[in-house]
Amino acid sequence: MSERFYLYDDSEETKTRFVSFMGENQRFDLAITKTDRHYGKPLVLDIQGGRFAIIGRDDIDEPGYIEHVFSLNEEDAQELREFLAEEVLS
């Protein structure tokens, strides 16, 4: 077996917020991790859906991005988009 080649192997202090809220059609259970990596964009994990993404303001404004990443319909994605814009990226 050849020697493992690491691109990076760092540890960092992070801050994680666990939040759960009810939308019109579904419950959102999220873990939002803030770090200095990824240009300061938070890592948003959908705990129930098993999906995650690094999300910044530009990603929220990208048409269809939230729907695709979190496998949501348009209405549910809009609720998540509004939450992220108000509570996470403000």
N, C-alpha and C. Protein backbone atom coordinates (compact mmCIF):
# COMPACT_ATOMS: atom_id res chain seq x y z
N MET A 1 0.83 -1.17 0.00
CA MET A 1 0.00 0.00 0.00
C MET A 1 0.89 1.25 0.00
N SER A 2 0.54 2.21 -0.85
CA SER A 2 1.34 3.43 -0.93
C SER A 2 1.01 4.37 0.23
N GLU A 3 1.90 5.31 0.44
CA GLU A 3 1.71 6.27 1.52
C GLU A 3 0.55 7.21 1.19
N ARG A 4 -0.25 7.50 2.19
CA ARG A 4 -1.41 8.39 2.01
C ARG A 4 -0.94 9.82 1.75
N PHE A 5 -1.51 10.48 0.77
CA PHE A 5 -1.18 11.86 0.42
C PHE A 5 -2.32 12.77 0.89
N TYR A 6 -2.06 13.55 1.92
CA TYR A 6 -3.08 14.46 2.46
C TYR A 6 -3.04 15.79 1.72
N LEU A 7 -4.18 16.30 1.37
CA LEU A 7 -4.27 17.66 0.84
C LEU A 7 -4.25 18.65 1.99
N TYR A 8 -4.93 18.32 3.08
CA TYR A 8 -4.83 19.04 4.32
C TYR A 8 -5.39 18.17 5.44
N ASP A 9 -4.98 18.46 6.65
CA ASP A 9 -5.42 17.75 7.84
C ASP A 9 -5.31 18.72 9.01
N ASP A 10 -6.34 19.57 9.14
CA ASP A 10 -6.32 20.63 10.14
C ASP A 10 -7.44 20.45 11.14
N SER A 11 -7.25 21.01 12.31
CA SER A 11 -8.31 21.10 13.32
C SER A 11 -8.59 22.58 13.55
N GLU A 12 -9.83 22.87 13.88
CA GLU A 12 -10.23 24.26 14.04
C GLU A 12 -11.37 24.36 15.04
N GLU A 13 -11.40 25.43 15.81
CA GLU A 13 -12.52 25.70 16.69
C GLU A 13 -13.70 26.16 15.84
N THR A 14 -14.88 25.60 16.09
CA THR A 14 -16.08 25.99 15.36
C THR A 14 -17.20 26.30 16.34
N LYS A 15 -18.23 26.91 15.83
CA LYS A 15 -19.43 27.17 16.63
C LYS A 15 -20.59 26.53 15.88
N THR A 16 -21.34 25.66 16.56
CA THR A 16 -22.46 24.97 15.92
C THR A 16 -23.75 25.33 16.63
N ARG A 17 -24.75 25.69 15.83
CA ARG A 17 -26.09 26.00 16.34
C ARG A 17 -27.03 24.91 15.87
N PHE A 18 -27.76 24.32 16.79
CA PHE A 18 -28.78 23.33 16.46
C PHE A 18 -30.12 24.02 16.56
N VAL A 19 -30.91 23.97 15.51
CA VAL A 19 -32.19 24.66 15.48
C VAL A 19 -33.24 23.78 14.79
N SER A 20 -34.44 23.81 15.34
CA SER A 20 -35.56 23.07 14.76
C SER A 20 -36.74 24.03 14.68
N PHE A 21 -37.41 24.06 13.53
CA PHE A 21 -38.59 24.90 13.39
C PHE A 21 -39.57 24.24 12.43
N MET A 22 -40.82 24.60 12.61
CA MET A 22 -41.88 24.08 11.75
C MET A 22 -42.17 25.06 10.63
N GLY A 23 -42.17 24.53 9.41
CA GLY A 23 -42.61 25.30 8.26
C GLY A 23 -44.08 24.99 8.04
N GLU A 24 -44.62 25.48 6.93
CA GLU A 24 -46.02 25.19 6.61
C GLU A 24 -46.26 23.71 6.38
N ASN A 25 -45.29 23.04 5.74
CA ASN A 25 -45.47 21.65 5.34
C ASN A 25 -44.58 20.65 6.04
N GLN A 26 -43.51 21.11 6.63
CA GLN A 26 -42.56 20.17 7.22
C GLN A 26 -41.77 20.81 8.34
N ARG A 27 -41.11 19.93 9.09
CA ARG A 27 -40.23 20.34 10.17
C ARG A 27 -38.81 20.40 9.63
N PHE A 28 -38.06 21.42 10.05
CA PHE A 28 -36.66 21.55 9.68
C PHE A 28 -35.82 21.33 10.93
N ASP A 29 -34.90 20.40 10.88
CA ASP A 29 -33.94 20.15 11.96
C ASP A 29 -32.56 20.38 11.37
N LEU A 30 -31.91 21.44 11.81
CA LEU A 30 -30.66 21.86 11.21
C LEU A 30 -29.53 21.94 12.23
N ALA A 31 -28.34 21.70 11.75
CA ALA A 31 -27.11 22.01 12.49
C ALA A 31 -26.35 22.98 11.60
N ILE A 32 -26.02 24.15 12.14
CA ILE A 32 -25.35 25.19 11.37
C ILE A 32 -24.00 25.44 12.01
N THR A 33 -22.95 25.10 11.29
CA THR A 33 -21.59 25.21 11.81
C THR A 33 -20.88 26.38 11.16
N LYS A 34 -20.41 27.29 12.00
CA LYS A 34 -19.65 28.43 11.51
C LYS A 34 -18.17 28.17 11.74
N THR A 35 -17.40 28.47 10.70
CA THR A 35 -15.98 28.21 10.69
C THR A 35 -15.29 29.29 9.87
N ASP A 36 -13.98 29.36 9.95
CA ASP A 36 -13.23 30.30 9.12
C ASP A 36 -12.95 29.73 7.73
N ARG A 37 -13.23 28.48 7.53
CA ARG A 37 -13.04 27.87 6.21
C ARG A 37 -14.17 28.27 5.27
N HIS A 38 -14.02 27.94 4.04
CA HIS A 38 -15.06 28.13 3.02
C HIS A 38 -15.47 29.60 2.92
N TYR A 39 -14.49 30.49 2.99
CA TYR A 39 -14.74 31.94 2.85
C TYR A 39 -15.74 32.46 3.88
N GLY A 40 -15.81 31.82 5.03
CA GLY A 40 -16.70 32.25 6.10
C GLY A 40 -18.14 31.80 5.94
N LYS A 41 -18.42 31.01 4.90
CA LYS A 41 -19.78 30.51 4.71
C LYS A 41 -20.06 29.39 5.71
N PRO A 42 -21.26 29.37 6.31
CA PRO A 42 -21.58 28.29 7.25
C PRO A 42 -21.90 26.98 6.53
N LEU A 43 -21.64 25.90 7.22
CA LEU A 43 -22.01 24.56 6.77
C LEU A 43 -23.38 24.26 7.36
N VAL A 44 -24.38 24.06 6.51
CA VAL A 44 -25.75 23.83 6.95
C VAL A 44 -26.09 22.36 6.73
N LEU A 45 -26.41 21.66 7.82
CA LEU A 45 -26.75 20.24 7.75
C LEU A 45 -28.23 20.04 8.05
N ASP A 46 -28.91 19.36 7.14
CA ASP A 46 -30.30 18.95 7.36
C ASP A 46 -30.22 17.58 8.03
N ILE A 47 -30.42 17.55 9.32
CA ILE A 47 -30.22 16.33 10.10
C ILE A 47 -31.18 15.23 9.68
N GLN A 48 -32.44 15.55 9.50
CA GLN A 48 -33.43 14.52 9.14
C GLN A 48 -33.25 14.03 7.71
N GLY A 49 -32.92 14.95 6.81
CA GLY A 49 -32.79 14.58 5.40
C GLY A 49 -31.43 14.03 5.03
N GLY A 50 -30.45 14.19 5.91
CA GLY A 50 -29.12 13.68 5.63
C GLY A 50 -28.41 14.41 4.51
N ARG A 51 -28.69 15.70 4.35
CA ARG A 51 -28.06 16.51 3.31
C ARG A 51 -27.37 17.69 3.95
N PHE A 52 -26.36 18.21 3.26
CA PHE A 52 -25.64 19.37 3.79
C PHE A 52 -25.08 20.18 2.63
N ALA A 53 -24.79 21.45 2.94
CA ALA A 53 -24.19 22.34 1.95
C ALA A 53 -23.48 23.48 2.65
N ILE A 54 -22.50 24.03 1.98
CA ILE A 54 -21.84 25.25 2.42
C ILE A 54 -22.63 26.37 1.75
N ILE A 55 -23.24 27.24 2.57
CA ILE A 55 -24.19 28.20 2.02
C ILE A 55 -23.85 29.62 2.45
N GLY A 56 -23.77 30.48 1.46
CA GLY A 56 -23.59 31.90 1.67
C GLY A 56 -24.69 32.68 0.98
N ARG A 57 -24.63 33.98 1.08
CA ARG A 57 -25.66 34.83 0.46
C ARG A 57 -25.78 34.55 -1.04
N ASP A 58 -24.67 34.37 -1.72
CA ASP A 58 -24.71 34.11 -3.16
C ASP A 58 -25.43 32.80 -3.46
N ASP A 59 -25.31 31.81 -2.60
CA ASP A 59 -25.98 30.52 -2.80
C ASP A 59 -27.49 30.64 -2.60
N ILE A 60 -27.89 31.43 -1.61
CA ILE A 60 -29.32 31.63 -1.36
C ILE A 60 -29.99 32.32 -2.54
N ASP A 61 -29.26 33.23 -3.16
CA ASP A 61 -29.80 33.99 -4.28
C ASP A 61 -29.78 33.21 -5.60
N GLU A 62 -29.09 32.09 -5.63
CA GLU A 62 -28.99 31.27 -6.85
C GLU A 62 -30.30 30.52 -7.07
N PRO A 63 -31.01 30.78 -8.17
CA PRO A 63 -32.30 30.10 -8.41
C PRO A 63 -32.16 28.58 -8.43
N GLY A 64 -33.00 27.92 -7.65
CA GLY A 64 -33.05 26.46 -7.64
C GLY A 64 -32.00 25.77 -6.80
N TYR A 65 -31.06 26.52 -6.24
CA TYR A 65 -29.96 25.90 -5.50
C TYR A 65 -30.43 25.20 -4.23
N ILE A 66 -31.21 25.91 -3.40
CA ILE A 66 -31.69 25.33 -2.14
C ILE A 66 -32.58 24.13 -2.43
N GLU A 67 -33.43 24.24 -3.46
CA GLU A 67 -34.30 23.12 -3.84
C GLU A 67 -33.47 21.89 -4.17
N HIS A 68 -32.42 22.09 -4.95
CA HIS A 68 -31.57 20.97 -5.39
C HIS A 68 -30.78 20.36 -4.23
N VAL A 69 -30.08 21.21 -3.50
CA VAL A 69 -29.18 20.71 -2.45
C VAL A 69 -29.93 19.97 -1.36
N PHE A 70 -31.08 20.50 -0.94
CA PHE A 70 -31.81 19.88 0.16
C PHE A 70 -33.01 19.07 -0.30
N SER A 71 -33.14 18.88 -1.61
CA SER A 71 -34.22 18.07 -2.19
C SER A 71 -35.59 18.53 -1.67
N LEU A 72 -35.86 19.83 -1.85
CA LEU A 72 -37.10 20.43 -1.36
C LEU A 72 -37.94 20.95 -2.53
N ASN A 73 -39.25 21.01 -2.30
CA ASN A 73 -40.09 21.66 -3.29
C ASN A 73 -39.90 23.17 -3.15
N GLU A 74 -40.46 23.93 -4.07
CA GLU A 74 -40.24 25.37 -4.11
C GLU A 74 -40.71 26.08 -2.84
N GLU A 75 -41.88 25.70 -2.33
CA GLU A 75 -42.43 26.34 -1.14
C GLU A 75 -41.58 26.08 0.10
N ASP A 76 -41.18 24.82 0.31
CA ASP A 76 -40.35 24.49 1.48
C ASP A 76 -38.97 25.12 1.36
N ALA A 77 -38.43 25.16 0.15
CA ALA A 77 -37.13 25.78 -0.06
C ALA A 77 -37.18 27.27 0.26
N GLN A 78 -38.29 27.91 -0.08
CA GLN A 78 -38.43 29.34 0.21
C GLN A 78 -38.44 29.59 1.72
N GLU A 79 -39.08 28.72 2.48
CA GLU A 79 -39.08 28.86 3.95
C GLU A 79 -37.67 28.71 4.50
N LEU A 80 -36.93 27.74 4.00
CA LEU A 80 -35.56 27.55 4.45
C LEU A 80 -34.70 28.73 4.03
N ARG A 81 -34.88 29.19 2.81
CA ARG A 81 -34.14 30.34 2.29
C ARG A 81 -34.37 31.57 3.19
N GLU A 82 -35.62 31.82 3.55
CA GLU A 82 -35.94 32.97 4.40
C GLU A 82 -35.31 32.83 5.79
N PHE A 83 -35.38 31.62 6.35
CA PHE A 83 -34.75 31.39 7.66
C PHE A 83 -33.25 31.67 7.59
N LEU A 84 -32.59 31.11 6.60
CA LEU A 84 -31.14 31.28 6.48
C LEU A 84 -30.78 32.75 6.28
N ALA A 85 -31.54 33.45 5.46
CA ALA A 85 -31.25 34.87 5.20
C ALA A 85 -31.43 35.70 6.46
N GLU A 86 -32.46 35.41 7.25
CA GLU A 86 -32.77 36.21 8.43
C GLU A 86 -31.92 35.83 9.65
N GLU A 87 -31.74 34.54 9.85
CA GLU A 87 -31.15 34.05 11.10
C GLU A 87 -29.67 33.67 11.01
N VAL A 88 -29.20 33.33 9.83
CA VAL A 88 -27.85 32.81 9.73
C VAL A 88 -26.91 33.77 9.00
N LEU A 89 -27.38 34.38 7.95
CA LEU A 89 -26.50 35.19 7.12
C LEU A 89 -26.67 36.69 7.31
N SER A 90 -27.44 37.08 8.30
CA SER A 90 -27.65 38.52 8.51
C SER A 90 -26.52 39.14 9.31
